[in-house]
C-alpha atoms as a PDB file:
ATOM      1  CA  UNK A   1      60.091 -58.063 -25.814  1.00  0.00           C
ATOM      2  CA  UNK A   2      61.776 -54.987 -27.282  1.00  0.00           C
ATOM      3  CA  UNK A   3      58.531 -53.030 -27.014  1.00  0.00           C
ATOM      4  CA  UNK A   4      58.265 -53.794 -23.311  1.00  0.00           C
ATOM      5  CA  UNK A   5      61.942 -52.933 -22.797  1.00  0.00           C
ATOM      6  CA  UNK A   6      61.500 -49.591 -24.535  1.00  0.00           C
ATOM      7  CA  UNK A   7      58.340 -48.730 -22.597  1.00  0.00           C
ATOM      8  CA  UNK A   8      60.138 -49.403 -19.310  1.00  0.00           C
ATOM      9  CA  UNK A   9      63.048 -47.099 -20.066  1.00  0.00           C
ATOM     10  CA  UNK A  10      63.277 -43.940 -17.926  1.00  0.00           C
ATOM     11  CA  UNK A  11      62.127 -40.796 -19.698  1.00  0.00           C
ATOM     12  CA  UNK A  12      65.422 -39.069 -20.565  1.00  0.00           C
ATOM     13  CA  UNK A  13      67.106 -42.202 -21.909  1.00  0.00           C
ATOM     14  CA  UNK A  14      64.005 -43.038 -23.936  1.00  0.00           C
ATOM     15  CA  UNK A  15      63.809 -39.544 -25.440  1.00  0.00           C
ATOM     16  CA  UNK A  16      67.532 -39.494 -26.225  1.00  0.00           C
ATOM     17  CA  UNK A  17      67.188 -42.792 -28.093  1.00  0.00           C
ATOM     18  CA  UNK A  18      64.212 -41.417 -30.031  1.00  0.00           C
ATOM     19  CA  UNK A  19      65.977 -38.151 -30.909  1.00  0.00           C
ATOM     20  CA  UNK A  20      69.121 -39.941 -32.069  1.00  0.00           C
ATOM     21  CA  UNK A  21      67.005 -42.321 -34.122  1.00  0.00           C
ATOM     22  CA  UNK A  22      65.125 -39.455 -35.768  1.00  0.00           C
ATOM     23  CA  UNK A  23      68.359 -37.663 -36.652  1.00  0.00           C
ATOM     24  CA  UNK A  24      69.728 -40.893 -38.145  1.00  0.00           C
ATOM     25  CA  UNK A  25      66.599 -41.447 -40.239  1.00  0.00           C
ATOM     26  CA  UNK A  26      66.603 -37.822 -41.365  1.00  0.00           C
ATOM     27  CA  UNK A  27      70.227 -38.190 -42.475  1.00  0.00           C
ATOM     28  CA  UNK A  28      69.325 -41.179 -44.653  1.00  0.00           C
ATOM     29  CA  UNK A  29      66.193 -39.576 -46.132  1.00  0.00           C
ATOM     30  CA  UNK A  30      67.790 -36.217 -46.905  1.00  0.00           C
ATOM     31  CA  UNK A  31      70.809 -37.800 -48.593  1.00  0.00           C
ATOM     32  CA  UNK A  32      68.625 -39.130 -51.405  1.00  0.00           C
ATOM     33  CA  UNK A  33      69.541 -37.739 -54.846  1.00  0.00           C
ATOM     34  CA  UNK A  34      66.243 -35.857 -55.072  1.00  0.00           C
ATOM     35  CA  UNK A  35      67.150 -33.806 -51.972  1.00  0.00           C
ATOM     36  CA  UNK A  36      70.942 -34.192 -51.589  1.00  0.00           C
ATOM     37  CA  UNK A  37      71.236 -32.533 -48.174  1.00  0.00           C
ATOM     38  CA  UNK A  38      74.182 -33.754 -46.098  1.00  0.00           C
ATOM     39  CA  UNK A  39      73.290 -33.466 -42.402  1.00  0.00           C
ATOM     40  CA  UNK A  40      76.707 -34.806 -41.464  1.00  0.00           C
ATOM     41  CA  UNK A  41      78.259 -31.678 -42.935  1.00  0.00           C
ATOM     42  CA  UNK A  42      75.657 -29.338 -41.450  1.00  0.00           C
ATOM     43  CA  UNK A  43      75.363 -30.820 -37.956  1.00  0.00           C
ATOM     44  CA  UNK A  44      78.637 -32.695 -37.477  1.00  0.00           C
ATOM     45  CA  UNK A  45      81.390 -30.847 -35.596  1.00  0.00           C
ATOM     46  CA  UNK A  46      84.375 -29.357 -37.427  1.00  0.00           C
ATOM     47  CA  UNK A  47      87.509 -27.786 -35.999  1.00  0.00           C
ATOM     48  CA  UNK A  48      86.767 -24.109 -35.162  1.00  0.00           C
ATOM     49  CA  UNK A  49      88.974 -22.635 -37.906  1.00  0.00           C
ATOM     50  CA  UNK A  50      87.535 -24.909 -40.592  1.00  0.00           C
ATOM     51  CA  UNK A  51      85.345 -23.091 -43.141  1.00  0.00           C
ATOM     52  CA  UNK A  52      82.692 -25.710 -42.384  1.00  0.00           C
ATOM     53  CA  UNK A  53      82.552 -24.944 -38.647  1.00  0.00           C
ATOM     54  CA  UNK A  54      79.395 -23.459 -37.128  1.00  0.00           C
ATOM     55  CA  UNK A  55      79.070 -22.867 -33.345  1.00  0.00           C
ATOM     56  CA  UNK A  56      75.793 -24.807 -33.110  1.00  0.00           C
ATOM     57  CA  UNK A  57      77.649 -27.970 -34.218  1.00  0.00           C
ATOM     58  CA  UNK A  58      79.070 -28.319 -30.707  1.00  0.00           C
ATOM     59  CA  UNK A  59      75.518 -29.057 -29.533  1.00  0.00           C
ATOM     60  CA  UNK A  60      74.328 -31.061 -32.554  1.00  0.00           C
ATOM     61  CA  UNK A  61      77.223 -33.370 -33.397  1.00  0.00           C
ATOM     62  CA  UNK A  62      76.418 -35.887 -30.662  1.00  0.00           C
ATOM     63  CA  UNK A  63      73.012 -36.556 -32.223  1.00  0.00           C
ATOM     64  CA  UNK A  64      74.630 -37.529 -35.538  1.00  0.00           C
ATOM     65  CA  UNK A  65      76.043 -40.963 -36.387  1.00  0.00           C
ATOM     66  CA  UNK A  66      78.083 -42.230 -39.303  1.00  0.00           C
ATOM     67  CA  UNK A  67      76.288 -45.539 -39.912  1.00  0.00           C
ATOM     68  CA  UNK A  68      73.947 -48.111 -38.401  1.00  0.00           C
ATOM     69  CA  UNK A  69      76.570 -49.905 -36.306  1.00  0.00           C
ATOM     70  CA  UNK A  70      77.751 -46.581 -34.892  1.00  0.00           C
ATOM     71  CA  UNK A  71      74.306 -45.596 -33.645  1.00  0.00           C
ATOM     72  CA  UNK A  72      73.428 -49.154 -32.601  1.00  0.00           C
ATOM     73  CA  UNK A  73      76.346 -49.554 -30.192  1.00  0.00           C
ATOM     74  CA  UNK A  74      75.965 -46.036 -28.800  1.00  0.00           C
ATOM     75  CA  UNK A  75      72.245 -46.442 -28.171  1.00  0.00           C
ATOM     76  CA  UNK A  76      72.762 -49.940 -26.758  1.00  0.00           C
ATOM     77  CA  UNK A  77      75.278 -48.565 -24.254  1.00  0.00           C
ATOM     78  CA  UNK A  78      73.003 -45.600 -23.491  1.00  0.00           C
ATOM     79  CA  UNK A  79      70.184 -48.007 -22.626  1.00  0.00           C
ATOM     80  CA  UNK A  80      72.353 -50.429 -20.616  1.00  0.00           C
ATOM     81  CA  UNK A  81      74.258 -47.860 -18.549  1.00  0.00           C
ATOM     82  CA  UNK A  82      72.112 -44.754 -18.831  1.00  0.00           C
ATOM     83  CA  UNK A  83      68.917 -46.379 -17.598  1.00  0.00           C
ATOM     84  CA  UNK A  84      70.536 -47.409 -14.288  1.00  0.00           C
ATOM     85  CA  UNK A  85      72.105 -43.986 -13.790  1.00  0.00           C
ATOM     86  CA  UNK A  86      68.900 -42.083 -14.557  1.00  0.00           C
ATOM     87  CA  UNK A  87      66.906 -44.210 -12.122  1.00  0.00           C
ATOM     88  CA  UNK A  88      69.490 -43.502  -9.423  1.00  0.00           C
ATOM     89  CA  UNK A  89      70.098 -39.788 -10.136  1.00  0.00           C
ATOM     90  CA  UNK A  90      66.728 -38.728 -11.507  1.00  0.00           C
ATOM     91  CA  UNK A  91      66.090 -37.194 -14.943  1.00  0.00           C
ATOM     92  CA  UNK A  92      67.478 -33.684 -14.312  1.00  0.00           C
ATOM     93  CA  UNK A  93      70.817 -34.745 -12.920  1.00  0.00           C
ATOM     94  CA  UNK A  94      71.181 -37.445 -15.552  1.00  0.00           C
ATOM     95  CA  UNK A  95      70.489 -35.019 -18.400  1.00  0.00           C
ATOM     96  CA  UNK A  96      73.019 -32.543 -16.984  1.00  0.00           C
ATOM     97  CA  UNK A  97      75.600 -35.320 -16.760  1.00  0.00           C
ATOM     98  CA  UNK A  98      74.929 -36.508 -20.311  1.00  0.00           C
ATOM     99  CA  UNK A  99      75.324 -33.074 -21.885  1.00  0.00           C
ATOM    100  CA  UNK A 100      78.281 -32.136 -19.669  1.00  0.00           C
ATOM    101  CA  UNK A 101      80.234 -35.238 -20.673  1.00  0.00           C
ATOM    102  CA  UNK A 102      79.346 -34.724 -24.344  1.00  0.00           C
ATOM    103  CA  UNK A 103      80.665 -31.149 -24.148  1.00  0.00           C
ATOM    104  CA  UNK A 104      83.724 -32.295 -22.203  1.00  0.00           C
ATOM    105  CA  UNK A 105      84.465 -34.855 -24.895  1.00  0.00           C
ATOM    106  CA  UNK A 106      84.263 -32.122 -27.549  1.00  0.00           C
ATOM    107  CA  UNK A 107      86.553 -29.872 -25.490  1.00  0.00           C
ATOM    108  CA  UNK A 108      89.329 -32.465 -25.164  1.00  0.00           C
ATOM    109  CA  UNK A 109      88.912 -33.404 -28.828  1.00  0.00           C
ATOM    110  CA  UNK A 110      89.403 -29.757 -29.855  1.00  0.00           C
ATOM    111  CA  UNK A 111      92.379 -29.421 -27.511  1.00  0.00           C
ATOM    112  CA  UNK A 112      94.195 -32.425 -28.982  1.00  0.00           C
ATOM    113  CA  UNK A 113      93.499 -31.265 -32.533  1.00  0.00           C
ATOM    114  CA  UNK A 114      94.698 -27.760 -31.610  1.00  0.00           C
ATOM    115  CA  UNK A 115      98.002 -29.084 -30.247  1.00  0.00           C
ATOM    116  CA  UNK A 116      98.658 -31.087 -33.395  1.00  0.00           C
ATOM    117  CA  UNK A 117      97.759 -28.162 -35.647  1.00  0.00           C
ATOM    118  CA  UNK A 118     100.003 -25.835 -33.622  1.00  0.00           C
ATOM    119  CA  UNK A 119     102.923 -28.252 -33.944  1.00  0.00           C
ATOM    120  CA  UNK A 120     102.537 -28.176 -37.734  1.00  0.00           C
ATOM    121  CA  UNK A 121     101.652 -24.533 -38.403  1.00  0.00           C
ATOM    122  CA  UNK A 122     102.718 -22.588 -35.306  1.00  0.00           C
ATOM    123  CA  UNK A 123      99.122 -21.410 -34.921  1.00  0.00           C
ATOM    124  CA  UNK A 124      96.184 -22.864 -33.008  1.00  0.00           C
ATOM    125  CA  UNK A 125      93.597 -21.491 -35.432  1.00  0.00           C
ATOM    126  CA  UNK A 126      95.346 -21.102 -38.790  1.00  0.00           C
ATOM    127  CA  UNK A 127      93.408 -19.591 -41.647  1.00  0.00           C
ATOM    128  CA  UNK A 128      91.712 -22.136 -43.863  1.00  0.00           C
ATOM    129  CA  UNK A 129      93.904 -21.106 -46.833  1.00  0.00           C
ATOM    130  CA  UNK A 130      96.993 -22.167 -44.868  1.00  0.00           C
ATOM    131  CA  UNK A 131      96.322 -25.844 -45.503  1.00  0.00           C
ATOM    132  CA  UNK A 132      95.737 -27.360 -48.932  1.00  0.00           C
ATOM    133  CA  UNK A 133      93.857 -30.523 -48.244  1.00  0.00           C
ATOM    134  CA  UNK A 134      92.143 -33.091 -50.389  1.00  0.00           C
ATOM    135  CA  UNK A 135      88.654 -31.807 -51.114  1.00  0.00           C
ATOM    136  CA  UNK A 136      86.131 -34.094 -52.752  1.00  0.00           C
ATOM    137  CA  UNK A 137      82.643 -33.402 -53.934  1.00  0.00           C
ATOM    138  CA  UNK A 138      81.120 -35.929 -51.497  1.00  0.00           C
ATOM    139  CA  UNK A 139      82.789 -34.221 -48.520  1.00  0.00           C
ATOM    140  CA  UNK A 140      81.800 -30.626 -49.098  1.00  0.00           C
ATOM    141  CA  UNK A 141      80.292 -30.277 -52.538  1.00  0.00           C
ATOM    142  CA  UNK A 142      83.042 -27.998 -53.866  1.00  0.00           C
ATOM    143  CA  UNK A 143      83.668 -30.318 -56.792  1.00  0.00           C
ATOM    144  CA  UNK A 144      87.449 -30.104 -57.173  1.00  0.00           C
ATOM    145  CA  UNK A 145      90.531 -31.819 -55.811  1.00  0.00           C
ATOM    146  CA  UNK A 146      93.755 -30.363 -54.486  1.00  0.00           C
ATOM    147  CA  UNK A 147      96.520 -32.499 -53.026  1.00  0.00           C
ATOM    148  CA  UNK A 148      98.087 -31.096 -49.884  1.00  0.00           C
ATOM    149  CA  UNK A 149     101.722 -31.302 -48.770  1.00  0.00           C
ATOM    150  CA  UNK A 150     102.246 -34.399 -46.626  1.00  0.00           C
ATOM    151  CA  UNK A 151     102.943 -32.363 -43.475  1.00  0.00           C
ATOM    152  CA  UNK A 152      99.546 -30.677 -43.705  1.00  0.00           C
ATOM    153  CA  UNK A 153      97.466 -33.827 -44.153  1.00  0.00           C
ATOM    154  CA  UNK A 154      96.266 -33.908 -40.502  1.00  0.00           C
ATOM    155  CA  UNK A 155      94.873 -30.397 -40.904  1.00  0.00           C
ATOM    156  CA  UNK A 156      93.024 -31.493 -43.995  1.00  0.00           C
ATOM    157  CA  UNK A 157      91.407 -34.310 -42.035  1.00  0.00           C
ATOM    158  CA  UNK A 158      90.359 -31.998 -39.206  1.00  0.00           C
ATOM    159  CA  UNK A 159      89.073 -29.298 -41.546  1.00  0.00           C
ATOM    160  CA  UNK A 160      87.221 -31.495 -44.025  1.00  0.00           C
ATOM    161  CA  UNK A 161      85.884 -34.359 -41.851  1.00  0.00           C
ATOM    162  CA  UNK A 162      83.236 -33.803 -39.161  1.00  0.00           C
ATOM    163  CA  UNK A 163      83.180 -35.412 -35.734  1.00  0.00           C
ATOM    164  CA  UNK A 164      79.979 -37.379 -35.218  1.00  0.00           C
ATOM    165  CA  UNK A 165      78.292 -39.378 -32.492  1.00  0.00           C
ATOM    166  CA  UNK A 166      77.283 -39.658 -28.860  1.00  0.00           C
ATOM    167  CA  UNK A 167      80.320 -41.771 -27.974  1.00  0.00           C
ATOM    168  CA  UNK A 168      81.851 -39.114 -25.693  1.00  0.00           C
ATOM    169  CA  UNK A 169      78.713 -38.958 -23.570  1.00  0.00           C
ATOM    170  CA  UNK A 170      78.368 -42.765 -23.664  1.00  0.00           C
ATOM    171  CA  UNK A 171      81.948 -43.221 -22.435  1.00  0.00           C
ATOM    172  CA  UNK A 172      81.112 -40.776 -19.648  1.00  0.00           C
ATOM    173  CA  UNK A 173      78.168 -42.992 -18.675  1.00  0.00           C
ATOM    174  CA  UNK A 174      80.415 -46.053 -18.655  1.00  0.00           C
ATOM    175  CA  UNK A 175      82.912 -44.277 -16.404  1.00  0.00           C
ATOM    176  CA  UNK A 176      80.161 -43.202 -13.999  1.00  0.00           C
ATOM    177  CA  UNK A 177      78.622 -46.682 -13.917  1.00  0.00           C
ATOM    178  CA  UNK A 178      82.029 -48.233 -13.207  1.00  0.00           C
ATOM    179  CA  UNK A 179      82.631 -45.794 -10.342  1.00  0.00           C
ATOM    180  CA  UNK A 180      79.231 -46.396  -8.754  1.00  0.00           C
ATOM    181  CA  UNK A 181      78.847 -50.123  -9.509  1.00  0.00           C
ATOM    182  CA  UNK A 182      82.462 -51.303  -9.950  1.00  0.00           C
ATOM    183  CA  UNK A 183      81.881 -54.997  -9.331  1.00  0.00           C
ATOM    184  CA  UNK A 184      78.715 -55.369 -11.382  1.00  0.00           C
ATOM    185  CA  UNK A 185      79.165 -58.268 -13.781  1.00  0.00           C
ATOM    186  CA  UNK A 186      78.513 -57.401 -17.417  1.00  0.00           C
ATOM    187  CA  UNK A 187      78.395 -59.561 -20.534  1.00  0.00           C
ATOM    188  CA  UNK A 188      80.208 -58.250 -23.589  1.00  0.00           C
ATOM    189  CA  UNK A 189      78.597 -58.594 -27.004  1.00  0.00           C
ATOM    190  CA  UNK A 190      81.842 -59.224 -28.881  1.00  0.00           C
ATOM    191  CA  UNK A 191      83.338 -61.448 -27.570  1.00  0.00           C
ATOM    192  CA  UNK A 192      80.527 -62.764 -25.318  1.00  0.00           C
ATOM    193  CA  UNK A 193      82.525 -62.965 -22.094  1.00  0.00           C
ATOM    194  CA  UNK A 194      81.705 -61.694 -18.583  1.00  0.00           C
ATOM    195  CA  UNK A 195      83.618 -58.722 -17.206  1.00  0.00           C
ATOM    196  CA  UNK A 196      83.256 -56.433 -14.199  1.00  0.00           C
ATOM    197  CA  UNK A 197      82.273 -52.825 -14.884  1.00  0.00           C
ATOM    198  CA  UNK A 198      85.510 -51.405 -13.463  1.00  0.00           C
ATOM    199  CA  UNK A 199      87.673 -53.552 -15.744  1.00  0.00           C
ATOM    200  CA  UNK A 200      85.545 -52.718 -18.759  1.00  0.00           C
ATOM    201  CA  UNK A 201      85.945 -48.980 -18.130  1.00  0.00           C
ATOM    202  CA  UNK A 202      89.718 -49.294 -17.626  1.00  0.00           C
ATOM    203  CA  UNK A 203      90.089 -51.425 -20.743  1.00  0.00           C
ATOM    204  CA  UNK A 204      88.111 -48.967 -22.865  1.00  0.00           C
ATOM    205  CA  UNK A 205      90.118 -46.020 -21.510  1.00  0.00           C
ATOM    206  CA  UNK A 206      93.438 -47.781 -22.202  1.00  0.00           C
ATOM    207  CA  UNK A 207      92.327 -48.767 -25.709  1.00  0.00           C
ATOM    208  CA  UNK A 208      91.165 -45.233 -26.519  1.00  0.00           C
ATOM    209  CA  UNK A 209      94.448 -43.780 -25.222  1.00  0.00           C
ATOM    210  CA  UNK A 210      96.532 -46.234 -27.255  1.00  0.00           C
ATOM    211  CA  UNK A 211      94.523 -45.727 -30.450  1.00  0.00           C
ATOM    212  CA  UNK A 212      94.539 -41.973 -30.001  1.00  0.00           C
ATOM    213  CA  UNK A 213      98.332 -41.868 -29.795  1.00  0.00           C
ATOM    214  CA  UNK A 214      98.760 -44.482 -32.540  1.00  0.00           C
ATOM    215  CA  UNK A 215      96.766 -42.237 -34.909  1.00  0.00           C
ATOM    216  CA  UNK A 216      96.618 -44.980 -37.535  1.00  0.00           C
ATOM    217  CA  UNK A 217      96.102 -44.000 -41.153  1.00  0.00           C
ATOM    218  CA  UNK A 218      92.440 -44.180 -42.111  1.00  0.00           C
ATOM    219  CA  UNK A 219      91.279 -44.183 -38.476  1.00  0.00           C
ATOM    220  CA  UNK A 220      88.459 -41.647 -38.313  1.00  0.00           C
ATOM    221  CA  UNK A 221      87.392 -42.401 -34.720  1.00  0.00           C
ATOM    222  CA  UNK A 222      87.715 -39.509 -32.237  1.00  0.00           C
ATOM    223  CA  UNK A 223      89.503 -41.516 -29.545  1.00  0.00           C
ATOM    224  CA  UNK A 224      90.400 -38.492 -27.424  1.00  0.00           C
ATOM    225  CA  UNK A 225      86.732 -37.478 -27.404  1.00  0.00           C
ATOM    226  CA  UNK A 226      86.035 -40.860 -25.792  1.00  0.00           C
ATOM    227  CA  UNK A 227      88.693 -40.140 -23.192  1.00  0.00           C
ATOM    228  CA  UNK A 228      87.279 -36.646 -22.674  1.00  0.00           C
ATOM    229  CA  UNK A 229      83.854 -38.077 -21.925  1.00  0.00           C
ATOM    230  CA  UNK A 230      85.324 -40.501 -19.411  1.00  0.00           C
ATOM    231  CA  UNK A 231      87.495 -37.820 -17.793  1.00  0.00           C
ATOM    232  CA  UNK A 232      84.648 -35.360 -17.366  1.00  0.00           C
ATOM    233  CA  UNK A 233      82.360 -38.158 -16.180  1.00  0.00           C
ATOM    234  CA  UNK A 234      84.915 -39.129 -13.531  1.00  0.00           C
ATOM    235  CA  UNK A 235      85.291 -35.496 -12.378  1.00  0.00           C
ATOM    236  CA  UNK A 236      81.542 -34.866 -12.198  1.00  0.00           C
ATOM    237  CA  UNK A 237      80.855 -38.027 -10.192  1.00  0.00           C
ATOM    238  CA  UNK A 238      83.651 -37.131  -7.759  1.00  0.00           C
ATOM    239  CA  UNK A 239      82.192 -33.634  -7.291  1.00  0.00           C
ATOM    240  CA  UNK A 240      78.710 -34.988  -6.722  1.00  0.00           C
ATOM    241  CA  UNK A 241      79.987 -37.552  -4.239  1.00  0.00           C
ATOM    242  CA  UNK A 242      81.583 -34.750  -2.208  1.00  0.00           C
ATOM    243  CA  UNK A 243      78.504 -32.503  -2.341  1.00  0.00           C
ATOM    244  CA  UNK A 244      75.725 -34.950  -1.520  1.00  0.00           C
ATOM    245  CA  UNK A 245      73.422 -32.233  -0.232  1.00  0.00           C
ATOM    246  CA  UNK A 246      73.358 -30.382  -3.566  1.00  0.00           C
ATOM    247  CA  UNK A 247      71.120 -31.647  -6.341  1.00  0.00           C
ATOM    248  CA  UNK A 248      73.347 -30.433  -9.119  1.00  0.00           C
END
């Protein structure tokens, strides 16, 4: 059954699932003690003034995932929503939308981090030495620990922890699907209840906004990246609806 489902997927969605799967497998294989290469650190996205930041991470972080459940739910949503959108838009427009919403998610994520860092330090891109954060050998291999002042803890999190996952692009797909097929009935996995696409998108947006502002201790999810994907997805669909004679 799954083989037939996979074979029937449109080309871009299928290739995105394969690429994400390969990155996930490579992460597991290369983390073995014999190799000890952390792809999360290399390809995940850090705040621009972090010593771990590299420009290419903006384009690689949405192929990385923290664990199996993370990639499972993202790829499940990509298949469910992305397949319909690619069949309607065609592969080129769909691929543009996917990457544009992923980049938009990263942009809003950076903006929110920048505002918080500015409120603490008075600078948008403070030098890495400005903040003394907790550094552990499993985060960046530096092998020592320093405890930061309490007021600088958010900077430590942004500087030492990468942003991972295709969730921004996936939330953009959900927003687009809800705009184009608002009354389509969907069945949630957890809990297994029916819900219309428009209510699902609104509920996810409200939850992401609440969790982003709550900023609970230990919450490592980039909630504003989710909102950024939805926002850019909404804007792009509106532009395309106005310019129906233009392919892009």
